[in-house]
């Protein structure tokens, strides 16, 4: 059997991810991590937790005033988040 030729690492990693069927979990982790980056220090200070369910990002906010402000601008936040991800992974953001 002849040795296989070298392949790009990204190609090999994609095959492993596809084989393990974990792309959804990886995407969810990317969204939550990117949310923290996009939200910034002030919003992170009032964020208790964030998680994904399907294509919806849920963000638990400890301040009612911040929750209302974020809710009113959720479309812009979604656009900023998807832009930072360079992918349309989030269809909706729910602030609780």
PDB file of N, CA and C in Angstrom:
ATOM      1  N   UNK A   1       0.851  -1.181   0.000  1.00  0.00           N
ATOM      2  CA  UNK A   1       0.000   0.000   0.000  1.00  0.00           C
ATOM      3  C   UNK A   1       0.894   1.241   0.000  1.00  0.00           C
ATOM      4  N   UNK A   2       0.658   2.134  -0.915  1.00  0.00           N
ATOM      5  CA  UNK A   2       1.458   3.349  -1.037  1.00  0.00           C
ATOM      6  C   UNK A   2       1.037   4.344   0.033  1.00  0.00           C
ATOM      7  N   UNK A   3       2.014   5.084   0.599  1.00  0.00           N
ATOM      8  CA  UNK A   3       1.655   6.087   1.610  1.00  0.00           C
ATOM      9  C   UNK A   3       0.813   7.191   0.977  1.00  0.00           C
ATOM     10  N   UNK A   4      -0.134   7.699   1.755  1.00  0.00           N
ATOM     11  CA  UNK A   4      -0.977   8.781   1.244  1.00  0.00           C
ATOM     12  C   UNK A   4      -0.182  10.076   1.245  1.00  0.00           C
ATOM     13  N   UNK A   5      -0.545  10.943   0.336  1.00  0.00           N
ATOM     14  CA  UNK A   5       0.156  12.226   0.255  1.00  0.00           C
ATOM     15  C   UNK A   5      -0.347  13.156   1.357  1.00  0.00           C
ATOM     16  N   UNK A   6       0.479  14.095   1.784  1.00  0.00           N
ATOM     17  CA  UNK A   6       0.064  15.032   2.836  1.00  0.00           C
ATOM     18  C   UNK A   6      -1.173  15.827   2.402  1.00  0.00           C
ATOM     19  N   UNK A   7      -2.030  16.087   3.370  1.00  0.00           N
ATOM     20  CA  UNK A   7      -3.239  16.876   3.120  1.00  0.00           C
ATOM     21  C   UNK A   7      -3.251  18.071   4.052  1.00  0.00           C
ATOM     22  N   UNK A   8      -3.916  19.141   3.653  1.00  0.00           N
ATOM     23  CA  UNK A   8      -4.011  20.312   4.539  1.00  0.00           C
ATOM     24  C   UNK A   8      -4.710  19.948   5.849  1.00  0.00           C
ATOM     25  N   UNK A   9      -4.206  20.492   6.954  1.00  0.00           N
ATOM     26  CA  UNK A   9      -4.754  20.208   8.276  1.00  0.00           C
ATOM     27  C   UNK A   9      -6.232  20.578   8.368  1.00  0.00           C
ATOM     28  N   UNK A  10      -6.618  21.709   7.786  1.00  0.00           N
ATOM     29  CA  UNK A  10      -8.016  22.140   7.821  1.00  0.00           C
ATOM     30  C   UNK A  10      -8.947  21.109   7.205  1.00  0.00           C
ATOM     31  N   UNK A  11      -8.495  20.477   6.133  1.00  0.00           N
ATOM     32  CA  UNK A  11      -9.290  19.444   5.462  1.00  0.00           C
ATOM     33  C   UNK A  11      -9.463  18.228   6.370  1.00  0.00           C
ATOM     34  N   UNK A  12      -8.395  17.830   7.035  1.00  0.00           N
ATOM     35  CA  UNK A  12      -8.436  16.681   7.941  1.00  0.00           C
ATOM     36  C   UNK A  12      -9.358  16.981   9.126  1.00  0.00           C
ATOM     37  N   UNK A  13      -9.231  18.178   9.706  1.00  0.00           N
ATOM     38  CA  UNK A  13     -10.078  18.556  10.847  1.00  0.00           C
ATOM     39  C   UNK A  13     -11.546  18.567  10.441  1.00  0.00           C
ATOM     40  N   UNK A  14     -11.852  19.102   9.258  1.00  0.00           N
ATOM     41  CA  UNK A  14     -13.243  19.120   8.793  1.00  0.00           C
ATOM     42  C   UNK A  14     -13.785  17.700   8.664  1.00  0.00           C
ATOM     43  N   UNK A  15     -12.988  16.786   8.155  1.00  0.00           N
ATOM     44  CA  UNK A  15     -13.417  15.394   8.047  1.00  0.00           C
ATOM     45  C   UNK A  15     -13.720  14.799   9.423  1.00  0.00           C
ATOM     46  N   UNK A  16     -12.867  15.093  10.390  1.00  0.00           N
ATOM     47  CA  UNK A  16     -13.072  14.573  11.748  1.00  0.00           C
ATOM     48  C   UNK A  16     -14.354  15.153  12.337  1.00  0.00           C
ATOM     49  N   UNK A  17     -14.553  16.455  12.203  1.00  0.00           N
ATOM     50  CA  UNK A  17     -15.765  17.110  12.724  1.00  0.00           C
ATOM     51  C   UNK A  17     -17.007  16.524  12.077  1.00  0.00           C
ATOM     52  N   UNK A  18     -16.957  16.354  10.747  1.00  0.00           N
ATOM     53  CA  UNK A  18     -18.100  15.763  10.048  1.00  0.00           C
ATOM     54  C   UNK A  18     -18.337  14.330  10.506  1.00  0.00           C
ATOM     55  N   UNK A  19     -17.261  13.567  10.682  1.00  0.00           N
ATOM     56  CA  UNK A  19     -17.374  12.174  11.098  1.00  0.00           C
ATOM     57  C   UNK A  19     -17.947  12.031  12.496  1.00  0.00           C
ATOM     58  N   UNK A  20     -17.609  12.957  13.380  1.00  0.00           N
ATOM     59  CA  UNK A  20     -18.106  12.916  14.756  1.00  0.00           C
ATOM     60  C   UNK A  20     -19.471  13.577  14.899  1.00  0.00           C
ATOM     61  N   UNK A  21     -19.911  14.275  13.845  1.00  0.00           N
ATOM     62  CA  UNK A  21     -21.201  14.967  13.840  1.00  0.00           C
ATOM     63  C   UNK A  21     -21.315  15.947  15.012  1.00  0.00           C
ATOM     64  N   UNK A  22     -20.303  16.798  15.159  1.00  0.00           N
ATOM     65  CA  UNK A  22     -20.287  17.769  16.257  1.00  0.00           C
ATOM     66  C   UNK A  22     -20.291  19.226  15.769  1.00  0.00           C
ATOM     67  N   UNK A  23     -20.570  19.434  14.490  1.00  0.00           N
ATOM     68  CA  UNK A  23     -20.532  20.798  13.958  1.00  0.00           C
ATOM     69  C   UNK A  23     -21.518  21.718  14.674  1.00  0.00           C
ATOM     70  N   UNK A  24     -22.715  21.226  15.006  1.00  0.00           N
ATOM     71  CA  UNK A  24     -23.715  22.065  15.684  1.00  0.00           C
ATOM     72  C   UNK A  24     -23.199  22.535  17.037  1.00  0.00           C
ATOM     73  N   UNK A  25     -22.561  21.638  17.789  1.00  0.00           N
ATOM     74  CA  UNK A  25     -22.022  22.003  19.096  1.00  0.00           C
ATOM     75  C   UNK A  25     -20.885  23.008  18.959  1.00  0.00           C
ATOM     76  N   UNK A  26     -20.066  22.842  17.954  1.00  0.00           N
ATOM     77  CA  UNK A  26     -18.966  23.779  17.708  1.00  0.00           C
ATOM     78  C   UNK A  26     -19.534  25.150  17.347  1.00  0.00           C
ATOM     79  N   UNK A  27     -20.552  25.179  16.485  1.00  0.00           N
ATOM     80  CA  UNK A  27     -21.184  26.450  16.102  1.00  0.00           C
ATOM     81  C   UNK A  27     -21.804  27.137  17.313  1.00  0.00           C
ATOM     82  N   UNK A  28     -22.471  26.371  18.185  1.00  0.00           N
ATOM     83  CA  UNK A  28     -23.073  26.951  19.385  1.00  0.00           C
ATOM     84  C   UNK A  28     -22.011  27.576  20.277  1.00  0.00           C
ATOM     85  N   UNK A  29     -20.907  26.902  20.466  1.00  0.00           N
ATOM     86  CA  UNK A  29     -19.818  27.441  21.287  1.00  0.00           C
ATOM     87  C   UNK A  29     -19.239  28.705  20.652  1.00  0.00           C
ATOM     88  N   UNK A  30     -19.105  28.712  19.340  1.00  0.00           N
ATOM     89  CA  UNK A  30     -18.607  29.907  18.639  1.00  0.00           C
ATOM     90  C   UNK A  30     -19.537  31.092  18.854  1.00  0.00           C
ATOM     91  N   UNK A  31     -20.850  30.845  18.773  1.00  0.00           N
ATOM     92  CA  UNK A  31     -21.831  31.928  18.946  1.00  0.00           C
ATOM     93  C   UNK A  31     -21.727  32.520  20.347  1.00  0.00           C
ATOM     94  N   UNK A  32     -21.713  31.673  21.372  1.00  0.00           N
ATOM     95  CA  UNK A  32     -21.671  32.157  22.751  1.00  0.00           C
ATOM     96  C   UNK A  32     -20.377  32.916  23.010  1.00  0.00           C
ATOM     97  N   UNK A  33     -19.269  32.395  22.529  1.00  0.00           N
ATOM     98  CA  UNK A  33     -17.979  33.068  22.709  1.00  0.00           C
ATOM     99  C   UNK A  33     -17.942  34.401  21.956  1.00  0.00           C
ATOM    100  N   UNK A  34     -18.467  34.410  20.755  1.00  0.00           N
ATOM    101  CA  UNK A  34     -18.478  35.640  19.960  1.00  0.00           C
ATOM    102  C   UNK A  34     -19.430  36.661  20.558  1.00  0.00           C
ATOM    103  N   UNK A  35     -20.564  36.201  21.124  1.00  0.00           N
ATOM    104  CA  UNK A  35     -21.486  37.123  21.794  1.00  0.00           C
ATOM    105  C   UNK A  35     -20.746  37.900  22.885  1.00  0.00           C
ATOM    106  N   UNK A  36     -19.974  37.194  23.706  1.00  0.00           N
ATOM    107  CA  UNK A  36     -19.238  37.853  24.790  1.00  0.00           C
ATOM    108  C   UNK A  36     -18.297  38.908  24.230  1.00  0.00           C
ATOM    109  N   UNK A  37     -17.678  38.632  23.115  1.00  0.00           N
ATOM    110  CA  UNK A  37     -16.762  39.584  22.483  1.00  0.00           C
ATOM    111  C   UNK A  37     -17.513  40.789  21.904  1.00  0.00           C
ATOM    112  N   UNK A  38     -18.610  40.512  21.202  1.00  0.00           N
ATOM    113  CA  UNK A  38     -19.401  41.573  20.562  1.00  0.00           C
ATOM    114  C   UNK A  38     -20.101  42.435  21.613  1.00  0.00           C
ATOM    115  N   UNK A  39     -20.599  41.817  22.683  1.00  0.00           N
ATOM    116  CA  UNK A  39     -21.351  42.545  23.704  1.00  0.00           C
ATOM    117  C   UNK A  39     -20.483  43.562  24.440  1.00  0.00           C
ATOM    118  N   UNK A  40     -19.261  43.215  24.716  1.00  0.00           N
ATOM    119  CA  UNK A  40     -18.365  44.141  25.393  1.00  0.00           C
ATOM    120  C   UNK A  40     -18.492  44.102  26.907  1.00  0.00           C
ATOM    121  N   UNK A  41     -17.641  44.854  27.555  1.00  0.00           N
ATOM    122  CA  UNK A  41     -17.496  44.837  29.009  1.00  0.00           C
ATOM    123  C   UNK A  41     -18.774  45.217  29.747  1.00  0.00           C
ATOM    124  N   UNK A  42     -19.442  46.293  29.325  1.00  0.00           N
ATOM    125  CA  UNK A  42     -20.626  46.778  30.053  1.00  0.00           C
ATOM    126  C   UNK A  42     -21.764  45.764  30.038  1.00  0.00           C
ATOM    127  N   UNK A  43     -22.013  45.166  28.883  1.00  0.00           N
ATOM    128  CA  UNK A  43     -23.108  44.191  28.786  1.00  0.00           C
ATOM    129  C   UNK A  43     -22.698  42.875  29.450  1.00  0.00           C
ATOM    130  N   UNK A  44     -21.451  42.481  29.300  1.00  0.00           N
ATOM    131  CA  UNK A  44     -20.991  41.260  29.971  1.00  0.00           C
ATOM    132  C   UNK A  44     -21.119  41.382  31.485  1.00  0.00           C
ATOM    133  N   UNK A  45     -21.007  42.600  32.007  1.00  0.00           N
ATOM    134  CA  UNK A  45     -21.127  42.816  33.453  1.00  0.00           C
ATOM    135  C   UNK A  45     -22.541  42.506  33.958  1.00  0.00           C
ATOM    136  N   UNK A  46     -23.548  42.613  33.090  1.00  0.00           N
ATOM    137  CA  UNK A  46     -24.931  42.331  33.489  1.00  0.00           C
ATOM    138  C   UNK A  46     -25.464  41.035  32.869  1.00  0.00           C
ATOM    139  N   UNK A  47     -24.570  40.275  32.229  1.00  0.00           N
ATOM    140  CA  UNK A  47     -24.954  38.996  31.630  1.00  0.00           C
ATOM    141  C   UNK A  47     -24.648  37.871  32.604  1.00  0.00           C
ATOM    142  N   UNK A  48     -25.676  37.087  32.932  1.00  0.00           N
ATOM    143  CA  UNK A  48     -25.477  35.953  33.830  1.00  0.00           C
ATOM    144  C   UNK A  48     -25.008  34.728  33.051  1.00  0.00           C
ATOM    145  N   UNK A  49     -25.661  34.455  31.917  1.00  0.00           N
ATOM    146  CA  UNK A  49     -25.299  33.314  31.079  1.00  0.00           C
ATOM    147  C   UNK A  49     -25.854  33.510  29.676  1.00  0.00           C
ATOM    148  N   UNK A  50     -25.311  32.751  28.736  1.00  0.00           N
ATOM    149  CA  UNK A  50     -25.800  32.760  27.354  1.00  0.00           C
ATOM    150  C   UNK A  50     -25.722  31.333  26.834  1.00  0.00           C
ATOM    151  N   UNK A  51     -26.729  30.945  26.035  1.00  0.00           N
ATOM    152  CA  UNK A  51     -26.743  29.599  25.474  1.00  0.00           C
ATOM    153  C   UNK A  51     -27.550  29.600  24.189  1.00  0.00           C
ATOM    154  N   UNK A  52     -27.308  28.584  23.397  1.00  0.00           N
ATOM    155  CA  UNK A  52     -28.018  28.419  22.132  1.00  0.00           C
ATOM    156  C   UNK A  52     -29.013  27.279  22.234  1.00  0.00           C
ATOM    157  N   UNK A  53     -30.136  27.431  21.560  1.00  0.00           N
ATOM    158  CA  UNK A  53     -31.092  26.346  21.354  1.00  0.00           C
ATOM    159  C   UNK A  53     -31.554  26.489  19.913  1.00  0.00           C
ATOM    160  N   UNK A  54     -31.129  25.554  19.088  1.00  0.00           N
ATOM    161  CA  UNK A  54     -31.396  25.684  17.661  1.00  0.00           C
ATOM    162  C   UNK A  54     -30.626  26.874  17.120  1.00  0.00           C
ATOM    163  N   UNK A  55     -31.308  27.759  16.430  1.00  0.00           N
ATOM    164  CA  UNK A  55     -30.654  28.951  15.884  1.00  0.00           C
ATOM    165  C   UNK A  55     -30.983  30.201  16.704  1.00  0.00           C
ATOM    166  N   UNK A  56     -31.460  30.011  17.940  1.00  0.00           N
ATOM    167  CA  UNK A  56     -31.784  31.128  18.829  1.00  0.00           C
ATOM    168  C   UNK A  56     -30.752  31.228  19.944  1.00  0.00           C
ATOM    169  N   UNK A  57     -30.234  32.434  20.136  1.00  0.00           N
ATOM    170  CA  UNK A  57     -29.323  32.708  21.244  1.00  0.00           C
ATOM    171  C   UNK A  57     -30.146  33.276  22.390  1.00  0.00           C
ATOM    172  N   UNK A  58     -30.026  32.673  23.565  1.00  0.00           N
ATOM    173  CA  UNK A  58     -30.676  33.158  24.773  1.00  0.00           C
ATOM    174  C   UNK A  58     -29.613  33.793  25.657  1.00  0.00           C
ATOM    175  N   UNK A  59     -29.902  34.991  26.149  1.00  0.00           N
ATOM    176  CA  UNK A  59     -28.956  35.707  27.010  1.00  0.00           C
ATOM    177  C   UNK A  59     -29.700  36.116  28.271  1.00  0.00           C
ATOM    178  N   UNK A  60     -29.232  35.610  29.412  1.00  0.00           N
ATOM    179  CA  UNK A  60     -29.844  35.938  30.712  1.00  0.00           C
ATOM    180  C   UNK A  60     -29.185  37.215  31.231  1.00  0.00           C
ATOM    181  N   UNK A  61     -29.987  38.275  31.364  1.00  0.00           N
ATOM    182  CA  UNK A  61     -29.511  39.589  31.783  1.00  0.00           C
ATOM    183  C   UNK A  61     -30.013  39.862  33.202  1.00  0.00           C
ATOM    184  N   UNK A  62     -29.125  40.345  34.069  1.00  0.00           N
ATOM    185  CA  UNK A  62     -29.490  40.560  35.471  1.00  0.00           C
ATOM    186  C   UNK A  62     -30.152  41.915  35.718  1.00  0.00           C
ATOM    187  N   UNK A  63     -30.136  42.811  34.751  1.00  0.00           N
ATOM    188  CA  UNK A  63     -30.707  44.147  34.911  1.00  0.00           C
ATOM    189  C   UNK A  63     -31.917  44.318  33.987  1.00  0.00           C
ATOM    190  N   UNK A  64     -33.059  44.659  34.564  1.00  0.00           N
ATOM    191  CA  UNK A  64     -34.277  44.857  33.765  1.00  0.00           C
ATOM    192  C   UNK A  64     -34.110  45.988  32.755  1.00  0.00           C
ATOM    193  N   UNK A  65     -33.443  47.058  33.156  1.00  0.00           N
ATOM    194  CA  UNK A  65     -33.238  48.190  32.242  1.00  0.00           C
ATOM    195  C   UNK A  65     -32.384  47.771  31.046  1.00  0.00           C
ATOM    196  N   UNK A  66     -31.284  47.064  31.296  1.00  0.00           N
ATOM    197  CA  UNK A  66     -30.437  46.575  30.201  1.00  0.00           C
ATOM    198  C   UNK A  66     -31.192  45.572  29.335  1.00  0.00           C
ATOM    199  N   UNK A  67     -31.963  44.698  29.962  1.00  0.00           N
ATOM    200  CA  UNK A  67     -32.717  43.689  29.217  1.00  0.00           C
ATOM    201  C   UNK A  67     -33.670  44.367  28.235  1.00  0.00           C
ATOM    202  N   UNK A  68     -34.365  45.392  28.687  1.00  0.00           N
ATOM    203  CA  UNK A  68     -35.295  46.125  27.824  1.00  0.00           C
ATOM    204  C   UNK A  68     -34.551  46.801  26.676  1.00  0.00           C
ATOM    205  N   UNK A  69     -33.449  47.456  26.986  1.00  0.00           N
ATOM    206  CA  UNK A  69     -32.652  48.149  25.962  1.00  0.00           C
ATOM    207  C   UNK A  69     -32.137  47.163  24.913  1.00  0.00           C
ATOM    208  N   UNK A  70     -31.597  46.044  25.364  1.00  0.00           N
ATOM    209  CA  UNK A  70     -31.071  45.034  24.442  1.00  0.00           C
ATOM    210  C   UNK A  70     -32.188  44.429  23.599  1.00  0.00           C
ATOM    211  N   UNK A  71     -33.331  44.170  24.234  1.00  0.00           N
ATOM    212  CA  UNK A  71     -34.470  43.592  23.515  1.00  0.00           C
ATOM    213  C   UNK A  71     -34.921  44.508  22.374  1.00  0.00           C
ATOM    214  N   UNK A  72     -34.993  45.791  22.635  1.00  0.00           N
ATOM    215  CA  UNK A  72     -35.441  46.741  21.615  1.00  0.00           C
ATOM    216  C   UNK A  72     -34.483  46.781  20.426  1.00  0.00           C
ATOM    217  N   UNK A  73     -33.222  46.431  20.641  1.00  0.00           N
ATOM    218  CA  UNK A  73     -32.217  46.479  19.575  1.00  0.00           C
ATOM    219  C   UNK A  73     -31.736  45.085  19.170  1.00  0.00           C
ATOM    220  N   UNK A  74     -32.558  44.066  19.414  1.00  0.00           N
ATOM    221  CA  UNK A  74     -32.098  42.690  19.190  1.00  0.00           C
ATOM    222  C   UNK A  74     -31.775  42.401  17.725  1.00  0.00           C
ATOM    223  N   UNK A  75     -32.479  43.039  16.786  1.00  0.00           N
ATOM    224  CA  UNK A  75     -32.184  42.816  15.366  1.00  0.00           C
ATOM    225  C   UNK A  75     -30.781  43.304  15.032  1.00  0.00           C
ATOM    226  N   UNK A  76     -30.412  44.492  15.529  1.00  0.00           N
ATOM    227  CA  UNK A  76     -29.071  45.020  15.289  1.00  0.00           C
ATOM    228  C   UNK A  76     -28.009  44.139  15.952  1.00  0.00           C
ATOM    229  N   UNK A  77     -28.301  43.650  17.159  1.00  0.00           N
ATOM    230  CA  UNK A  77     -27.357  42.755  17.832  1.00  0.00           C
ATOM    231  C   UNK A  77     -27.166  41.469  17.041  1.00  0.00           C
ATOM    232  N   UNK A  78     -28.261  40.933  16.502  1.00  0.00           N
ATOM    233  CA  UNK A  78     -28.170  39.720  15.688  1.00  0.00           C
ATOM    234  C   UNK A  78     -27.302  39.959  14.456  1.00  0.00           C
ATOM    235  N   UNK A  79     -27.509  41.096  13.804  1.00  0.00           N
ATOM    236  CA  UNK A  79     -26.718  41.421  12.611  1.00  0.00           C
ATOM    237  C   UNK A  79     -25.237  41.581  12.961  1.00  0.00           C
ATOM    238  N   UNK A  80     -24.944  42.255  14.074  1.00  0.00           N
ATOM    239  CA  UNK A  80     -23.550  42.418  14.507  1.00  0.00           C
ATOM    240  C   UNK A  80     -22.909  41.073  14.834  1.00  0.00           C
ATOM    241  N   UNK A  81     -23.668  40.229  15.524  1.00  0.00           N
ATOM    242  CA  UNK A  81     -23.151  38.922  15.918  1.00  0.00           C
ATOM    243  C   UNK A  81     -22.873  38.048  14.690  1.00  0.00           C
ATOM    244  N   UNK A  82     -23.838  37.946  13.788  1.00  0.00           N
ATOM    245  CA  UNK A  82     -23.636  37.153  12.578  1.00  0.00           C
ATOM    246  C   UNK A  82     -22.511  37.724  11.726  1.00  0.00           C
ATOM    247  N   UNK A  83     -22.384  39.049  11.704  1.00  0.00           N
ATOM    248  CA  UNK A  83     -21.286  39.677  10.972  1.00  0.00           C
ATOM    249  C   UNK A  83     -19.937  39.298  11.563  1.00  0.00           C
ATOM    250  N   UNK A  84     -19.846  39.297  12.883  1.00  0.00           N
ATOM    251  CA  UNK A  84     -18.595  38.920  13.554  1.00  0.00           C
ATOM    252  C   UNK A  84     -18.280  37.443  13.334  1.00  0.00           C
ATOM    253  N   UNK A  85     -19.317  36.620  13.223  1.00  0.00           N
ATOM    254  CA  UNK A  85     -19.136  35.189  12.968  1.00  0.00           C
ATOM    255  C   UNK A  85     -18.845  34.912  11.501  1.00  0.00           C
ATOM    256  N   UNK A  86     -19.143  35.880  10.653  1.00  0.00           N
ATOM    257  CA  UNK A  86     -19.030  35.723   9.199  1.00  0.00           C
ATOM    258  C   UNK A  86     -19.875  34.534   8.731  1.00  0.00           C
ATOM    259  N   UNK A  87     -21.044  34.400   9.378  1.00  0.00           N
ATOM    260  CA  UNK A  87     -21.952  33.296   9.089  1.00  0.00           C
ATOM    261  C   UNK A  87     -23.317  33.652   9.670  1.00  0.00           C
ATOM    262  N   UNK A  88     -24.369  33.107   9.104  1.00  0.00           N
ATOM    263  CA  UNK A  88     -25.729  33.354   9.593  1.00  0.00           C
ATOM    264  C   UNK A  88     -26.153  32.227  10.534  1.00  0.00           C
ATOM    265  N   UNK A  89     -25.533  32.155  11.705  1.00  0.00           N
ATOM    266  CA  UNK A  89     -25.816  31.091  12.657  1.00  0.00           C
ATOM    267  C   UNK A  89     -26.953  31.422  13.610  1.00  0.00           C
ATOM    268  N   UNK A  90     -27.259  32.718  13.780  1.00  0.00           N
ATOM    269  CA  UNK A  90     -28.271  33.153  14.758  1.00  0.00           C
ATOM    270  C   UNK A  90     -29.439  33.790  14.017  1.00  0.00           C
ATOM    271  N   UNK A  91     -30.636  33.198  14.187  1.00  0.00           N
ATOM    272  CA  UNK A  91     -31.846  33.757  13.598  1.00  0.00           C
ATOM    273  C   UNK A  91     -32.546  34.724  14.549  1.00  0.00           C
ATOM    274  N   UNK A  92     -32.366  34.502  15.851  1.00  0.00           N
ATOM    275  CA  UNK A  92     -33.059  35.316  16.852  1.00  0.00           C
ATOM    276  C   UNK A  92     -32.223  35.371  18.120  1.00  0.00           C
ATOM    277  N   UNK A  93     -32.357  36.501  18.830  1.00  0.00           N
ATOM    278  CA  UNK A  93     -31.747  36.632  20.158  1.00  0.00           C
ATOM    279  C   UNK A  93     -32.876  36.944  21.147  1.00  0.00           C
ATOM    280  N   UNK A  94     -32.925  36.178  22.224  1.00  0.00           N
ATOM    281  CA  UNK A  94     -33.924  36.392  23.273  1.00  0.00           C
ATOM    282  C   UNK A  94     -33.183  36.802  24.534  1.00  0.00           C
ATOM    283  N   UNK A  95     -33.547  37.965  25.062  1.00  0.00           N
ATOM    284  CA  UNK A  95     -32.961  38.452  26.309  1.00  0.00           C
ATOM    285  C   UNK A  95     -33.933  38.148  27.433  1.00  0.00           C
ATOM    286  N   UNK A  96     -33.449  37.458  28.452  1.00  0.00           N
ATOM    287  CA  UNK A  96     -34.311  37.077  29.572  1.00  0.00           C
ATOM    288  C   UNK A  96     -33.813  37.705  30.853  1.00  0.00           C
TER     289      UNK A  96
END
